[in-house]
Amino acid sequence: MELDMSVSPGPGVENENSYVFAFNGDRLLAITEEEEYQIPKYSELEKMKLEAVHRHYLGTSDISWRS
């Protein structure tokens, strides 16, 4: 896996398909899909109507954990 680190999304980066690591204290938000735990995408977080207190953009990666 290769990570292109950046402080903000570049042109053409689709936020709705970005993975989101959302925490509440030391707890990581995960969603269940067909009896598996998944890291949510940005679009799924919007559907839950959750607001971020702090955001830290990490970069882009060539890995696809799920379609």
PDB file of N, CA and C in Angstrom:
ATOM      1  N   MET A   1       0.846  -1.168   0.000  1.00  0.00           N
ATOM      2  CA  MET A   1       0.000   0.000   0.000  1.00  0.00           C
ATOM      3  C   MET A   1       0.890   1.228   0.000  1.00  0.00           C
ATOM      4  N   GLU A   2       0.537   2.174  -0.808  1.00  0.00           N
ATOM      5  CA  GLU A   2       1.277   3.418  -0.883  1.00  0.00           C
ATOM      6  C   GLU A   2       0.357   4.573  -0.517  1.00  0.00           C
ATOM      7  N   LEU A   3       0.822   5.460   0.354  1.00  0.00           N
ATOM      8  CA  LEU A   3       0.042   6.604   0.790  1.00  0.00           C
ATOM      9  C   LEU A   3       0.715   7.873   0.302  1.00  0.00           C
ATOM     10  N   ASP A   4      -0.017   8.664  -0.472  1.00  0.00           N
ATOM     11  CA  ASP A   4       0.449   9.980  -0.880  1.00  0.00           C
ATOM     12  C   ASP A   4      -0.073  10.970   0.141  1.00  0.00           C
ATOM     13  N   MET A   5       0.796  11.357   1.076  1.00  0.00           N
ATOM     14  CA  MET A   5       0.384  12.235   2.163  1.00  0.00           C
ATOM     15  C   MET A   5       0.109  13.642   1.659  1.00  0.00           C
ATOM     16  N   SER A   6      -0.903  14.267   2.250  1.00  0.00           N
ATOM     17  CA  SER A   6      -1.304  15.611   1.873  1.00  0.00           C
ATOM     18  C   SER A   6      -2.098  16.212   3.020  1.00  0.00           C
ATOM     19  N   VAL A   7      -2.175  17.535   3.072  1.00  0.00           N
ATOM     20  CA  VAL A   7      -2.951  18.191   4.125  1.00  0.00           C
ATOM     21  C   VAL A   7      -4.373  18.511   3.682  1.00  0.00           C
ATOM     22  N   SER A   8      -4.650  18.390   2.381  1.00  0.00           N
ATOM     23  CA  SER A   8      -5.998  18.622   1.873  1.00  0.00           C
ATOM     24  C   SER A   8      -6.189  17.821   0.587  1.00  0.00           C
ATOM     25  N   PRO A   9      -7.440  17.488   0.255  1.00  0.00           N
ATOM     26  CA  PRO A   9      -7.698  16.736  -0.967  1.00  0.00           C
ATOM     27  C   PRO A   9      -7.305  17.533  -2.207  1.00  0.00           C
ATOM     28  N   GLY A  10      -6.697  16.864  -3.147  1.00  0.00           N
ATOM     29  CA  GLY A  10      -6.325  17.511  -4.398  1.00  0.00           C
ATOM     30  C   GLY A  10      -7.474  17.494  -5.390  1.00  0.00           C
ATOM     31  N   PRO A  11      -7.266  18.085  -6.557  1.00  0.00           N
ATOM     32  CA  PRO A  11      -8.312  18.090  -7.586  1.00  0.00           C
ATOM     33  C   PRO A  11      -8.677  16.663  -7.993  1.00  0.00           C
ATOM     34  N   GLY A  12      -9.958  16.418  -8.144  1.00  0.00           N
ATOM     35  CA  GLY A  12     -10.426  15.117  -8.590  1.00  0.00           C
ATOM     36  C   GLY A  12     -10.637  14.103  -7.480  1.00  0.00           C
ATOM     37  N   VAL A  13     -10.292  14.454  -6.241  1.00  0.00           N
ATOM     38  CA  VAL A  13     -10.517  13.532  -5.131  1.00  0.00           C
ATOM     39  C   VAL A  13     -11.988  13.589  -4.756  1.00  0.00           C
ATOM     40  N   GLU A  14     -12.640  12.430  -4.775  1.00  0.00           N
ATOM     41  CA  GLU A  14     -14.068  12.360  -4.482  1.00  0.00           C
ATOM     42  C   GLU A  14     -14.264  12.133  -2.990  1.00  0.00           C
ATOM     43  N   ASN A  15     -14.719  13.145  -2.275  1.00  0.00           N
ATOM     44  CA  ASN A  15     -14.913  13.028  -0.833  1.00  0.00           C
ATOM     45  C   ASN A  15     -15.941  11.978  -0.456  1.00  0.00           C
ATOM     46  N   GLU A  16     -17.019  11.836  -1.231  1.00  0.00           N
ATOM     47  CA  GLU A  16     -18.075  10.902  -0.844  1.00  0.00           C
ATOM     48  C   GLU A  16     -17.593   9.452  -0.836  1.00  0.00           C
ATOM     49  N   ASN A  17     -16.527   9.141  -1.568  1.00  0.00           N
ATOM     50  CA  ASN A  17     -15.987   7.782  -1.595  1.00  0.00           C
ATOM     51  C   ASN A  17     -14.783   7.615  -0.677  1.00  0.00           C
ATOM     52  N   SER A  18     -14.443   8.637   0.070  1.00  0.00           N
ATOM     53  CA  SER A  18     -13.302   8.585   0.975  1.00  0.00           C
ATOM     54  C   SER A  18     -13.668   7.829   2.248  1.00  0.00           C
ATOM     55  N   TYR A  19     -12.725   7.049   2.742  1.00  0.00           N
ATOM     56  CA  TYR A  19     -12.927   6.374   4.026  1.00  0.00           C
ATOM     57  C   TYR A  19     -12.731   7.363   5.156  1.00  0.00           C
ATOM     58  N   VAL A  20     -13.499   7.170   6.231  1.00  0.00           N
ATOM     59  CA  VAL A  20     -13.464   8.076   7.373  1.00  0.00           C
ATOM     60  C   VAL A  20     -13.168   7.267   8.628  1.00  0.00           C
ATOM     61  N   PHE A  21     -12.138   7.674   9.346  1.00  0.00           N
ATOM     62  CA  PHE A  21     -11.828   7.076  10.636  1.00  0.00           C
ATOM     63  C   PHE A  21     -12.393   8.019  11.689  1.00  0.00           C
ATOM     64  N   ALA A  22     -13.577   7.695  12.175  1.00  0.00           N
ATOM     65  CA  ALA A  22     -14.293   8.559  13.115  1.00  0.00           C
ATOM     66  C   ALA A  22     -14.187   7.969  14.519  1.00  0.00           C
ATOM     67  N   PHE A  23     -13.805   8.817  15.454  1.00  0.00           N
ATOM     68  CA  PHE A  23     -13.610   8.376  16.833  1.00  0.00           C
ATOM     69  C   PHE A  23     -14.528   9.137  17.782  1.00  0.00           C
ATOM     70  N   ASN A  24     -14.935   8.473  18.832  1.00  0.00           N
ATOM     71  CA  ASN A  24     -15.604   9.085  19.979  1.00  0.00           C
ATOM     72  C   ASN A  24     -14.748   8.674  21.170  1.00  0.00           C
ATOM     73  N   GLY A  25     -13.888   9.577  21.623  1.00  0.00           N
ATOM     74  CA  GLY A  25     -12.906   9.213  22.638  1.00  0.00           C
ATOM     75  C   GLY A  25     -11.919   8.229  22.048  1.00  0.00           C
ATOM     76  N   ASP A  26     -11.828   7.034  22.626  1.00  0.00           N
ATOM     77  CA  ASP A  26     -10.918   6.013  22.096  1.00  0.00           C
ATOM     78  C   ASP A  26     -11.652   4.941  21.295  1.00  0.00           C
ATOM     79  N   ARG A  27     -12.922   5.193  20.966  1.00  0.00           N
ATOM     80  CA  ARG A  27     -13.734   4.219  20.237  1.00  0.00           C
ATOM     81  C   ARG A  27     -13.818   4.586  18.754  1.00  0.00           C
ATOM     82  N   LEU A  28     -13.527   3.609  17.891  1.00  0.00           N
ATOM     83  CA  LEU A  28     -13.575   3.795  16.443  1.00  0.00           C
ATOM     84  C   LEU A  28     -14.957   3.418  15.927  1.00  0.00           C
ATOM     85  N   LEU A  29     -15.552   4.302  15.103  1.00  0.00           N
ATOM     86  CA  LEU A  29     -16.850   4.014  14.496  1.00  0.00           C
ATOM     87  C   LEU A  29     -16.671   2.985  13.391  1.00  0.00           C
ATOM     88  N   ALA A  30     -17.473   1.939  13.443  1.00  0.00           N
ATOM     89  CA  ALA A  30     -17.507   0.925  12.390  1.00  0.00           C
ATOM     90  C   ALA A  30     -18.966   0.632  12.087  1.00  0.00           C
ATOM     91  N   ILE A  31     -19.247   0.257  10.854  1.00  0.00           N
ATOM     92  CA  ILE A  31     -20.600  -0.120  10.479  1.00  0.00           C
ATOM     93  C   ILE A  31     -20.608  -1.612  10.154  1.00  0.00           C
ATOM     94  N   THR A  32     -21.759  -2.228  10.283  1.00  0.00           N
ATOM     95  CA  THR A  32     -21.854  -3.646   9.949  1.00  0.00           C
ATOM     96  C   THR A  32     -22.557  -3.798   8.616  1.00  0.00           C
ATOM     97  N   GLU A  33     -22.012  -4.685   7.825  1.00  0.00           N
ATOM     98  CA  GLU A  33     -22.589  -4.978   6.518  1.00  0.00           C
ATOM     99  C   GLU A  33     -22.397  -6.464   6.258  1.00  0.00           C
ATOM    100  N   GLU A  34     -23.510  -7.188   6.188  1.00  0.00           N
ATOM    101  CA  GLU A  34     -23.485  -8.632   5.961  1.00  0.00           C
ATOM    102  C   GLU A  34     -22.559  -9.329   6.961  1.00  0.00           C
ATOM    103  N   GLU A  35     -22.753  -9.048   8.240  1.00  0.00           N
ATOM    104  CA  GLU A  35     -22.024  -9.669   9.338  1.00  0.00           C
ATOM    105  C   GLU A  35     -20.525  -9.360   9.343  1.00  0.00           C
ATOM    106  N   GLU A  36     -20.116  -8.273   8.699  1.00  0.00           N
ATOM    107  CA  GLU A  36     -18.722  -7.829   8.712  1.00  0.00           C
ATOM    108  C   GLU A  36     -18.675  -6.391   9.191  1.00  0.00           C
ATOM    109  N   TYR A  37     -17.625  -6.055   9.901  1.00  0.00           N
ATOM    110  CA  TYR A  37     -17.403  -4.669  10.297  1.00  0.00           C
ATOM    111  C   TYR A  37     -16.653  -3.951   9.192  1.00  0.00           C
ATOM    112  N   GLN A  38     -17.084  -2.716   8.897  1.00  0.00           N
ATOM    113  CA  GLN A  38     -16.485  -1.927   7.820  1.00  0.00           C
ATOM    114  C   GLN A  38     -16.148  -0.534   8.326  1.00  0.00           C
ATOM    115  N   ILE A  39     -15.118   0.066   7.753  1.00  0.00           N
ATOM    116  CA  ILE A  39     -14.822   1.481   7.978  1.00  0.00           C
ATOM    117  C   ILE A  39     -15.778   2.260   7.077  1.00  0.00           C
ATOM    118  N   PRO A  40     -16.522   3.225   7.620  1.00  0.00           N
ATOM    119  CA  PRO A  40     -17.500   3.947   6.794  1.00  0.00           C
ATOM    120  C   PRO A  40     -16.835   4.898   5.801  1.00  0.00           C
ATOM    121  N   LYS A  41     -17.553   5.154   4.737  1.00  0.00           N
ATOM    122  CA  LYS A  41     -17.132   6.166   3.771  1.00  0.00           C
ATOM    123  C   LYS A  41     -17.776   7.491   4.154  1.00  0.00           C
ATOM    124  N   TYR A  42     -17.251   8.566   3.625  1.00  0.00           N
ATOM    125  CA  TYR A  42     -17.736   9.914   3.945  1.00  0.00           C
ATOM    126  C   TYR A  42     -19.230  10.036   3.681  1.00  0.00           C
ATOM    127  N   SER A  43     -19.693   9.485   2.572  1.00  0.00           N
ATOM    128  CA  SER A  43     -21.121   9.586   2.228  1.00  0.00           C
ATOM    129  C   SER A  43     -21.993   8.891   3.279  1.00  0.00           C
ATOM    130  N   GLU A  44     -21.494   7.802   3.872  1.00  0.00           N
ATOM    131  CA  GLU A  44     -22.254   7.102   4.908  1.00  0.00           C
ATOM    132  C   GLU A  44     -22.307   7.927   6.194  1.00  0.00           C
ATOM    133  N   LEU A  45     -21.228   8.643   6.476  1.00  0.00           N
ATOM    134  CA  LEU A  45     -21.198   9.509   7.654  1.00  0.00           C
ATOM    135  C   LEU A  45     -22.206  10.650   7.502  1.00  0.00           C
ATOM    136  N   GLU A  46     -22.314  11.202   6.289  1.00  0.00           N
ATOM    137  CA  GLU A  46     -23.290  12.262   6.032  1.00  0.00           C
ATOM    138  C   GLU A  46     -24.711  11.760   6.253  1.00  0.00           C
ATOM    139  N   LYS A  47     -25.001  10.523   5.837  1.00  0.00           N
ATOM    140  CA  LYS A  47     -26.338   9.946   6.025  1.00  0.00           C
ATOM    141  C   LYS A  47     -26.681   9.810   7.506  1.00  0.00           C
ATOM    142  N   MET A  48     -25.651   9.583   8.345  1.00  0.00           N
ATOM    143  CA  MET A  48     -25.856   9.461   9.791  1.00  0.00           C
ATOM    144  C   MET A  48     -25.993  10.824  10.466  1.00  0.00           C
ATOM    145  N   LYS A  49     -25.779  11.883   9.691  1.00  0.00           N
ATOM    146  CA  LYS A  49     -25.860  13.264  10.177  1.00  0.00           C
ATOM    147  C   LYS A  49     -24.916  13.526  11.352  1.00  0.00           C
ATOM    148  N   LEU A  50     -23.694  12.986  11.229  1.00  0.00           N
ATOM    149  CA  LEU A  50     -22.666  13.215  12.239  1.00  0.00           C
ATOM    150  C   LEU A  50     -21.797  14.388  11.820  1.00  0.00           C
ATOM    151  N   GLU A  51     -21.417  15.209  12.774  1.00  0.00           N
ATOM    152  CA  GLU A  51     -20.547  16.343  12.500  1.00  0.00           C
ATOM    153  C   GLU A  51     -19.190  16.107  13.117  1.00  0.00           C
ATOM    154  N   ALA A  52     -18.155  16.447  12.397  1.00  0.00           N
ATOM    155  CA  ALA A  52     -16.797  16.295  12.907  1.00  0.00           C
ATOM    156  C   ALA A  52     -16.415  17.497  13.760  1.00  0.00           C
ATOM    157  N   VAL A  53     -15.792  17.228  14.883  1.00  0.00           N
ATOM    158  CA  VAL A  53     -15.275  18.288  15.733  1.00  0.00           C
ATOM    159  C   VAL A  53     -13.901  18.712  15.213  1.00  0.00           C
ATOM    160  N   HIS A  54     -13.090  17.719  14.857  1.00  0.00           N
ATOM    161  CA  HIS A  54     -11.763  17.960  14.282  1.00  0.00           C
ATOM    162  C   HIS A  54     -11.615  17.084  13.052  1.00  0.00           C
ATOM    163  N   ARG A  55     -10.953  17.608  12.033  1.00  0.00           N
ATOM    164  CA  ARG A  55     -10.692  16.832  10.815  1.00  0.00           C
ATOM    165  C   ARG A  55      -9.200  16.860  10.521  1.00  0.00           C
ATOM    166  N   HIS A  56      -8.686  15.709  10.153  1.00  0.00           N
ATOM    167  CA  HIS A  56      -7.282  15.593   9.773  1.00  0.00           C
ATOM    168  C   HIS A  56      -7.217  14.771   8.491  1.00  0.00           C
ATOM    169  N   TYR A  57      -6.939  15.427   7.397  1.00  0.00           N
ATOM    170  CA  TYR A  57      -6.815  14.736   6.119  1.00  0.00           C
ATOM    171  C   TYR A  57      -5.464  14.043   6.080  1.00  0.00           C
ATOM    172  N   LEU A  58      -5.443  12.762   5.691  1.00  0.00           N
ATOM    173  CA  LEU A  58      -4.198  11.994   5.674  1.00  0.00           C
ATOM    174  C   LEU A  58      -3.558  11.897   4.302  1.00  0.00           C
ATOM    175  N   GLY A  59      -4.371  11.803   3.266  1.00  0.00           N
ATOM    176  CA  GLY A  59      -3.826  11.651   1.918  1.00  0.00           C
ATOM    177  C   GLY A  59      -4.648  10.669   1.116  1.00  0.00           C
ATOM    178  N   THR A  60      -4.080  10.209   0.017  1.00  0.00           N
ATOM    179  CA  THR A  60      -4.754   9.245  -0.844  1.00  0.00           C
ATOM    180  C   THR A  60      -3.938   7.966  -0.913  1.00  0.00           C
ATOM    181  N   SER A  61      -4.624   6.872  -1.202  1.00  0.00           N
ATOM    182  CA  SER A  61      -3.974   5.575  -1.244  1.00  0.00           C
ATOM    183  C   SER A  61      -4.443   4.810  -2.475  1.00  0.00           C
ATOM    184  N   ASP A  62      -3.624   3.858  -2.903  1.00  0.00           N
ATOM    185  CA  ASP A  62      -3.995   3.023  -4.031  1.00  0.00           C
ATOM    186  C   ASP A  62      -4.720   1.751  -3.591  1.00  0.00           C
ATOM    187  N   ILE A  63      -5.013   1.636  -2.303  1.00  0.00           N
ATOM    188  CA  ILE A  63      -5.672   0.437  -1.784  1.00  0.00           C
ATOM    189  C   ILE A  63      -7.189   0.591  -1.832  1.00  0.00           C
ATOM    190  N   SER A  64      -7.861  -0.507  -2.091  1.00  0.00           N
ATOM    191  CA  SER A  64      -9.325  -0.535  -2.063  1.00  0.00           C
ATOM    192  C   SER A  64      -9.727  -1.635  -1.092  1.00  0.00           C
ATOM    193  N   TRP A  65     -10.236  -1.241   0.095  1.00  0.00           N
ATOM    194  CA  TRP A  65     -10.623  -2.216   1.105  1.00  0.00           C
ATOM    195  C   TRP A  65     -11.941  -2.882   0.763  1.00  0.00           C
ATOM    196  N   ARG A  66     -12.799  -2.145   0.125  1.00  0.00           N
ATOM    197  CA  ARG A  66     -14.090  -2.691  -0.300  1.00  0.00           C
ATOM    198  C   ARG A  66     -14.606  -1.818  -1.421  1.00  0.00           C
ATOM    199  N   SER A  67     -15.490  -2.358  -2.227  1.00  0.00           N
ATOM    200  CA  SER A  67     -16.001  -1.577  -3.375  1.00  0.00           C
ATOM    201  C   SER A  67     -17.216  -0.784  -2.999  1.00  0.00           C
TER     202      SER A  67
END
